[in-house]
C-alpha atoms as a PDB file:
ATOM      1  CA  MET A   1      76.302  95.158  94.992  1.00  0.00           C
ATOM      2  CA  LYS A   2      78.789  97.212  96.782  1.00  0.00           C
ATOM      3  CA  LYS A   3      82.200  95.492  96.848  1.00  0.00           C
ATOM      4  CA  HIS A   4      84.677  96.456 100.082  1.00  0.00           C
ATOM      5  CA  LEU A   5      87.643  95.037 101.406  1.00  0.00           C
ATOM      6  CA  THR A   6      88.220  92.454 104.419  1.00  0.00           C
ATOM      7  CA  LEU A   7      90.967  91.615 105.658  1.00  0.00           C
ATOM      8  CA  LEU A   8      90.898  88.106 108.392  1.00  0.00           C
ATOM      9  CA  PHE A   9      93.945  87.533 110.659  1.00  0.00           C
ATOM     10  CA  LEU A  10      94.347  83.990 111.741  1.00  0.00           C
ATOM     11  CA  PHE A  11      95.617  83.565 115.333  1.00  0.00           C
ATOM     12  CA  PHE A  12      98.610  80.064 114.464  1.00  0.00           C
ATOM     13  CA  TYR A  13     101.257  79.069 115.594  1.00  0.00           C
ATOM     14  CA  GLY A  14     103.873  79.012 113.609  1.00  0.00           C
ATOM     15  CA  PHE A  15     104.987  77.893 109.510  1.00  0.00           C
ATOM     16  CA  VAL A  16     106.468  74.855 109.626  1.00  0.00           C
ATOM     17  CA  PHE A  17     104.784  72.251 107.841  1.00  0.00           C
ATOM     18  CA  SER A  18     102.081  74.830 107.498  1.00  0.00           C
ATOM     19  CA  GLN A  19      99.173  74.078 105.238  1.00  0.00           C
ATOM     20  CA  ASP A  20      98.008  77.586 103.065  1.00  0.00           C
ATOM     21  CA  TYR A  21      94.935  77.921 101.962  1.00  0.00           C
ATOM     22  CA  VAL A  22      93.379  80.984  99.740  1.00  0.00           C
ATOM     23  CA  PHE A  23      90.349  82.495  99.159  1.00  0.00           C
ATOM     24  CA  ASP A  24      89.576  85.167  96.236  1.00  0.00           C
ATOM     25  CA  TYR A  25      84.944  85.955  96.199  1.00  0.00           C
ATOM     26  CA  VAL A  26      82.674  86.099  99.859  1.00  0.00           C
ATOM     27  CA  PHE A  27      79.625  85.073  99.533  1.00  0.00           C
ATOM     28  CA  GLU A  28      76.512  86.810 101.751  1.00  0.00           C
ATOM     29  CA  TYR A  29      73.419  84.439 101.494  1.00  0.00           C
ATOM     30  CA  ASP A  30      70.215  84.395 104.241  1.00  0.00           C
ATOM     31  CA  VAL A  31      69.385  81.185 104.184  1.00  0.00           C
ATOM     32  CA  GLN A  32      66.126  79.465 106.245  1.00  0.00           C
ATOM     33  CA  VAL A  33      66.151  76.283 107.949  1.00  0.00           C
ATOM     34  CA  LYS A  34      62.707  74.790 108.664  1.00  0.00           C
ATOM     35  CA  GLU A  35      61.472  78.253 111.008  1.00  0.00           C
ATOM     36  CA  PHE A  36      65.011  79.450 111.725  1.00  0.00           C
ATOM     37  CA  GLN A  37      66.813  82.502 109.762  1.00  0.00           C
ATOM     38  CA  MET A  38      70.653  82.963 109.687  1.00  0.00           C
ATOM     39  CA  LYS A  39      73.985  84.226 107.695  1.00  0.00           C
ATOM     40  CA  LYS A  40      76.663  82.249 106.143  1.00  0.00           C
ATOM     41  CA  PHE A  41      79.441  83.921 104.558  1.00  0.00           C
ATOM     42  CA  CYS A  42      81.190  81.355 102.281  1.00  0.00           C
ATOM     43  CA  TYR A  43      84.451  81.717 101.357  1.00  0.00           C
ATOM     44  CA  VAL A  44      85.626  80.701  98.148  1.00  0.00           C
ATOM     45  CA  ASN A  45      89.066  79.902  96.030  1.00  0.00           C
ATOM     46  CA  SER A  46      87.645  80.317  92.754  1.00  0.00           C
ATOM     47  CA  LYS A  47      89.974  78.242  91.055  1.00  0.00           C
ATOM     48  CA  ASN A  48      89.758  75.230  93.438  1.00  0.00           C
ATOM     49  CA  SER A  49      86.285  74.228  94.945  1.00  0.00           C
ATOM     50  CA  ASN A  50      88.018  71.909  97.160  1.00  0.00           C
ATOM     51  CA  HIS A  51      88.812  74.034  99.836  1.00  0.00           C
ATOM     52  CA  PHE A  52      86.381  76.548 101.306  1.00  0.00           C
ATOM     53  CA  LEU A  53      85.829  78.457 104.730  1.00  0.00           C
ATOM     54  CA  TYR A  54      81.849  79.751 106.108  1.00  0.00           C
ATOM     55  CA  LEU A  55      81.391  81.792 108.941  1.00  0.00           C
ATOM     56  CA  TYR A  56      77.830  81.672 109.851  1.00  0.00           C
ATOM     57  CA  LYS A  57      75.871  83.304 113.360  1.00  0.00           C
ATOM     58  CA  ALA A  58      74.148  82.443 116.019  1.00  0.00           C
ATOM     59  CA  ASN A  59      73.356  82.918 120.172  1.00  0.00           C
ATOM     60  CA  ASP A  60      75.453  85.521 119.552  1.00  0.00           C
ATOM     61  CA  GLU A  61      79.036  83.557 118.128  1.00  0.00           C
ATOM     62  CA  THR A  62      80.518  83.689 115.059  1.00  0.00           C
ATOM     63  CA  THR A  63      81.702  80.386 114.195  1.00  0.00           C
ATOM     64  CA  ALA A  64      84.312  79.795 111.145  1.00  0.00           C
ATOM     65  CA  ILE A  65      84.841  76.460 109.689  1.00  0.00           C
ATOM     66  CA  VAL A  66      87.266  75.311 107.018  1.00  0.00           C
ATOM     67  CA  TYR A  67      86.889  72.480 105.074  1.00  0.00           C
ATOM     68  CA  ASP A  68      89.697  70.585 102.912  1.00  0.00           C
ATOM     69  CA  LEU A  69      88.224  68.070 100.756  1.00  0.00           C
ATOM     70  CA  GLY A  70      91.431  67.190  99.043  1.00  0.00           C
ATOM     71  CA  THR A  71      92.558  66.128 102.993  1.00  0.00           C
ATOM     72  CA  MET A  72      89.559  64.942 104.594  1.00  0.00           C
ATOM     73  CA  GLN A  73      90.036  68.046 107.238  1.00  0.00           C
ATOM     74  CA  GLU A  74      87.608  70.037 109.175  1.00  0.00           C
ATOM     75  CA  HIS A  75      88.430  73.299 111.388  1.00  0.00           C
ATOM     76  CA  GLU A  76      86.615  75.126 113.296  1.00  0.00           C
ATOM     77  CA  PHE A  77      87.089  78.764 115.046  1.00  0.00           C
ATOM     78  CA  LEU A  78      85.442  80.625 117.065  1.00  0.00           C
ATOM     79  CA  VAL A  79      85.497  84.154 115.597  1.00  0.00           C
ATOM     80  CA  THR A  80      86.099  87.645 116.800  1.00  0.00           C
ATOM     81  CA  GLN A  81      85.737  90.883 115.142  1.00  0.00           C
ATOM     82  CA  ARG A  82      86.336  94.868 115.225  1.00  0.00           C
ATOM     83  CA  ILE A  83      86.210  97.401 112.792  1.00  0.00           C
ATOM     84  CA  ASP A  84      89.081 100.133 112.456  1.00  0.00           C
ATOM     85  CA  LYS A  85      89.069 102.849 110.145  1.00  0.00           C
ATOM     86  CA  ASP A  86      86.071 101.273 108.058  1.00  0.00           C
ATOM     87  CA  ILE A  87      87.842  98.236 107.903  1.00  0.00           C
ATOM     88  CA  LEU A  88      86.419  94.620 109.587  1.00  0.00           C
ATOM     89  CA  HIS A  89      89.024  92.622 110.891  1.00  0.00           C
ATOM     90  CA  PHE A  90      88.300  88.970 112.066  1.00  0.00           C
ATOM     91  CA  THR A  91      90.609  87.086 115.008  1.00  0.00           C
ATOM     92  CA  PHE A  92      90.024  83.250 114.717  1.00  0.00           C
ATOM     93  CA  LEU A  93      90.202  81.387 117.759  1.00  0.00           C
ATOM     94  CA  HIS A  94      90.642  77.772 116.585  1.00  0.00           C
ATOM     95  CA  GLN A  95      88.859  75.236 118.580  1.00  0.00           C
ATOM     96  CA  LYS A  96      89.184  71.800 117.073  1.00  0.00           C
ATOM     97  CA  SER A  97      90.184  70.173 113.952  1.00  0.00           C
ATOM     98  CA  ILE A  98      88.638  66.372 112.518  1.00  0.00           C
ATOM     99  CA  THR A  99      88.557  63.925 110.392  1.00  0.00           C
ATOM    100  CA  ILE A 100      85.600  64.421 107.958  1.00  0.00           C
ATOM    101  CA  SER A 101      83.097  61.612 107.604  1.00  0.00           C
ATOM    102  CA  SER A 102      84.249  59.710 104.845  1.00  0.00           C
ATOM    103  CA  GLN A 103      80.083  58.663 105.197  1.00  0.00           C
ATOM    104  CA  HIS A 104      79.513  61.860 104.171  1.00  0.00           C
ATOM    105  CA  VAL A 105      81.313  61.608 100.809  1.00  0.00           C
ATOM    106  CA  SER A 106      80.267  58.321  99.934  1.00  0.00           C
ATOM    107  CA  LYS A 107      76.984  58.936 100.152  1.00  0.00           C
ATOM    108  CA  CYS A 108      77.916  61.423  97.082  1.00  0.00           C
ATOM    109  CA  LYS A 109      78.600  58.765  94.709  1.00  0.00           C
ATOM    110  CA  ASN A 110      76.124  57.353  93.182  1.00  0.00           C
ATOM    111  CA  LEU A 111      74.023  60.691  93.528  1.00  0.00           C
ATOM    112  CA  TYR A 112      72.416  61.582  89.449  1.00  0.00           C
ATOM    113  CA  TYR A 113      71.705  65.403  89.084  1.00  0.00           C
ATOM    114  CA  GLU A 114      69.018  67.089  86.377  1.00  0.00           C
ATOM    115  CA  TYR A 115      68.897  70.525  85.417  1.00  0.00           C
ATOM    116  CA  THR A 116      65.714  71.584  83.545  1.00  0.00           C
ATOM    117  CA  PRO A 117      65.965  76.081  82.133  1.00  0.00           C
ATOM    118  CA  ILE A 118      62.223  76.895  82.521  1.00  0.00           C
ATOM    119  CA  GLN A 119      62.330  80.623  82.201  1.00  0.00           C
ATOM    120  CA  LYS A 120      65.421  82.580  80.671  1.00  0.00           C
ATOM    121  CA  ASP A 121      65.891  86.563  80.038  1.00  0.00           C
ATOM    122  CA  SER A 122      69.121  88.422  79.612  1.00  0.00           C
ATOM    123  CA  THR A 123      69.757  89.077  82.788  1.00  0.00           C
ATOM    124  CA  VAL A 124      67.924  85.750  84.849  1.00  0.00           C
ATOM    125  CA  THR A 125      67.676  82.159  83.350  1.00  0.00           C
ATOM    126  CA  VAL A 126      65.462  79.808  86.613  1.00  0.00           C
ATOM    127  CA  VAL A 127      66.490  76.601  86.764  1.00  0.00           C
ATOM    128  CA  GLU A 128      64.398  73.540  88.500  1.00  0.00           C
ATOM    129  CA  LEU A 129      67.420  71.158  89.449  1.00  0.00           C
ATOM    130  CA  LYS A 130      66.369  67.337  90.404  1.00  0.00           C
ATOM    131  CA  ILE A 131      68.320  65.034  92.444  1.00  0.00           C
ATOM    132  CA  TYR A 132      68.254  61.695  92.224  1.00  0.00           C
ATOM    133  CA  ALA A 133      69.780  58.851  93.988  1.00  0.00           C
ATOM    134  CA  ASN A 134      71.495  57.241  90.957  1.00  0.00           C
ATOM    135  CA  GLU A 135      71.195  57.340  87.106  1.00  0.00           C
ATOM    136  CA  LYS A 136      67.917  55.063  87.058  1.00  0.00           C
ATOM    137  CA  LYS A 137      66.098  58.139  88.334  1.00  0.00           C
ATOM    138  CA  LYS A 138      63.851  56.184  89.946  1.00  0.00           C
ATOM    139  CA  GLN A 139      64.175  57.806  93.571  1.00  0.00           C
ATOM    140  CA  LEU A 140      63.610  61.362  93.613  1.00  0.00           C
ATOM    141  CA  ILE A 141      65.726  63.183  96.941  1.00  0.00           C
ATOM    142  CA  ASP A 142      65.773  66.428  96.585  1.00  0.00           C
ATOM    143  CA  THR A 143      63.985  69.157  94.069  1.00  0.00           C
ATOM    144  CA  TYR A 144      65.475  72.960  93.495  1.00  0.00           C
ATOM    145  CA  GLU A 145      64.266  75.907  92.203  1.00  0.00           C
ATOM    146  CA  LEU A 146      67.166  78.237  91.288  1.00  0.00           C
ATOM    147  CA  LYS A 147      67.613  81.468  90.235  1.00  0.00           C
ATOM    148  CA  GLN A 148      71.252  82.418  88.311  1.00  0.00           C
ATOM    149  CA  ILE A 149      73.166  85.537  86.961  1.00  0.00           C
ATOM    150  CA  PRO A 150      75.837  85.567  84.489  1.00  0.00           C
ATOM    151  CA  SER A 151      79.238  85.298  85.537  1.00  0.00           C
ATOM    152  CA  GLU A 152      82.549  84.791  84.090  1.00  0.00           C
ATOM    153  CA  VAL A 153      83.003  82.268  86.911  1.00  0.00           C
ATOM    154  CA  ASN A 154      81.439  78.817  87.728  1.00  0.00           C
ATOM    155  CA  PHE A 155      80.571  79.750  91.189  1.00  0.00           C
ATOM    156  CA  PHE A 156      77.803  77.053  91.796  1.00  0.00           C
ATOM    157  CA  PRO A 157      80.228  75.357  94.237  1.00  0.00           C
ATOM    158  CA  ALA A 158      79.653  78.659  96.473  1.00  0.00           C
ATOM    159  CA  PHE A 159      76.305  78.224  96.789  1.00  0.00           C
ATOM    160  CA  ARG A 160      76.446  74.326  97.234  1.00  0.00           C
ATOM    161  CA  ASN A 161      78.679  75.408  99.938  1.00  0.00           C
ATOM    162  CA  ALA A 162      76.704  77.699 101.657  1.00  0.00           C
ATOM    163  CA  ALA A 163      72.931  77.070 100.973  1.00  0.00           C
ATOM    164  CA  MET A 164      72.822  72.524 100.093  1.00  0.00           C
ATOM    165  CA  HIS A 165      73.913  71.115 103.200  1.00  0.00           C
ATOM    166  CA  PRO A 166      75.215  68.116 103.745  1.00  0.00           C
ATOM    167  CA  MET A 167      75.594  68.155  99.172  1.00  0.00           C
ATOM    168  CA  GLU A 168      78.818  70.667 100.425  1.00  0.00           C
ATOM    169  CA  PHE A 169      80.713  67.434 100.474  1.00  0.00           C
ATOM    170  CA  CYS A 170      79.960  66.055  96.914  1.00  0.00           C
ATOM    171  CA  ILE A 171      82.328  67.573  95.454  1.00  0.00           C
ATOM    172  CA  ASN A 172      81.539  66.098  91.555  1.00  0.00           C
ATOM    173  CA  PHE A 173      78.029  67.584  92.328  1.00  0.00           C
ATOM    174  CA  ASP A 174      78.276  70.776  89.372  1.00  0.00           C
ATOM    175  CA  ASN A 175      76.760  72.515  87.264  1.00  0.00           C
ATOM    176  CA  HIS A 176      78.886  73.068  85.366  1.00  0.00           C
ATOM    177  CA  GLU A 177      78.252  77.028  83.859  1.00  0.00           C
ATOM    178  CA  ASN A 178      79.394  80.338  84.618  1.00  0.00           C
ATOM    179  CA  GLY A 179      77.289  81.672  86.247  1.00  0.00           C
ATOM    180  CA  ILE A 180      76.022  82.991  90.665  1.00  0.00           C
ATOM    181  CA  ILE A 181      73.094  81.267  91.689  1.00  0.00           C
ATOM    182  CA  THR A 182      71.057  83.801  93.657  1.00  0.00           C
ATOM    183  CA  GLU A 183      68.065  82.591  94.817  1.00  0.00           C
ATOM    184  CA  SER A 184      66.649  78.756  95.935  1.00  0.00           C
ATOM    185  CA  ASN A 185      63.946  76.896  96.923  1.00  0.00           C
ATOM    186  CA  LEU A 186      63.625  74.056  98.191  1.00  0.00           C
ATOM    187  CA  ILE A 187      60.500  72.145  96.655  1.00  0.00           C
ATOM    188  CA  THR A 188      60.202  69.094  97.885  1.00  0.00           C
ATOM    189  CA  LYS A 189      58.918  68.472 101.434  1.00  0.00           C
ATOM    190  CA  ASN A 190      62.393  67.321 102.650  1.00  0.00           C
ATOM    191  CA  LYS A 191      64.423  68.433 105.435  1.00  0.00           C
ATOM    192  CA  GLY A 192      67.964  70.963 105.003  1.00  0.00           C
ATOM    193  CA  ILE A 193      67.687  74.752 104.076  1.00  0.00           C
ATOM    194  CA  ARG A 194      64.667  75.218 102.285  1.00  0.00           C
ATOM    195  CA  THR A 195      65.563  78.857 101.003  1.00  0.00           C
ATOM    196  CA  ALA A 196      68.347  80.528 100.403  1.00  0.00           C
ATOM    197  CA  LYS A 197      69.169  84.573  98.891  1.00  0.00           C
ATOM    198  CA  LEU A 198      72.099  85.766  97.846  1.00  0.00           C
ATOM    199  CA  VAL A 199      72.674  89.341 100.037  1.00  0.00           C
ATOM    200  CA  ASN A 200      76.369  90.324  98.880  1.00  0.00           C
ATOM    201  CA  TYR A 201      79.205  89.063  97.288  1.00  0.00           C
ATOM    202  CA  THR A 202      83.162  90.670  96.202  1.00  0.00           C
ATOM    203  CA  PRO A 203      85.998  89.738  95.466  1.00  0.00           C
ATOM    204  CA  ILE A 204      88.370  89.717  98.248  1.00  0.00           C
ATOM    205  CA  ARG A 205      92.310  88.681  98.643  1.00  0.00           C
ATOM    206  CA  PHE A 206      92.222  86.344 101.952  1.00  0.00           C
ATOM    207  CA  GLU A 207      95.336  83.506 102.565  1.00  0.00           C
ATOM    208  CA  LEU A 208      94.472  81.472 105.695  1.00  0.00           C
ATOM    209  CA  THR A 209      97.744  79.451 107.522  1.00  0.00           C
ATOM    210  CA  LEU A 210      97.062  76.431 109.677  1.00  0.00           C
ATOM    211  CA  ASP A 211     100.510  75.125 111.328  1.00  0.00           C
ATOM    212  CA  SER A 212      99.569  71.366 111.076  1.00  0.00           C
ATOM    213  CA  THR A 213     102.289  70.301 113.673  1.00  0.00           C
ATOM    214  CA  LYS A 214     100.407  72.464 116.325  1.00  0.00           C
ATOM    215  CA  ILE A 215      96.464  71.143 115.348  1.00  0.00           C
ATOM    216  CA  LYS A 216      95.609  67.999 116.928  1.00  0.00           C
ATOM    217  CA  LYS A 217      93.137  66.344 114.276  1.00  0.00           C
ATOM    218  CA  ASN A 218      90.141  63.866 115.958  1.00  0.00           C
ATOM    219  CA  LYS A 219      88.232  61.570 114.513  1.00  0.00           C
ATOM    220  CA  SER A 220      84.808  62.849 113.894  1.00  0.00           C
END
């Protein structure tokens, strides 16, 4: 997968009482939601999975959303882009900030996750992931088949954030294993993202600063 340098710029009001986010990897996934195909670009911090940013394109517009699970805030931006000397620049225009609903997080508290390797070789591990309502495992919610390649870092949160809505809010949901999810298939007949395929990933250096004194926070 080809590495590239991506520079992003945010228009904001100042640095006083600001909130800083640092992202060191970006993942590009092709996902299918029912009959719709879309691309998602998920920016993550490999050392802190509590904040992440993803870009998605729909109806000829690009939207960016920053989720901060530490402060329970969500920030949405309209994004434009241009290319200058083979460098891709993004400009962010703030649209709104809201408080993440506590219902999203509360739904994660009792979920139980079971990983079962079903095939493994030197390059790819195929895993069956079952998600239950609780550890009694009487109510099965979803079953996924995942393909994972080796990595020095655990990048499961990047996949969860990009391709497992609404599981991006489940900070306790992790396979606790170094690796990168390259493909997923939702086996159970449930709503949500049916398939996801990794297109590209690359290390980056992206620092995002939000001026918390200028951003109006609304309830979700």
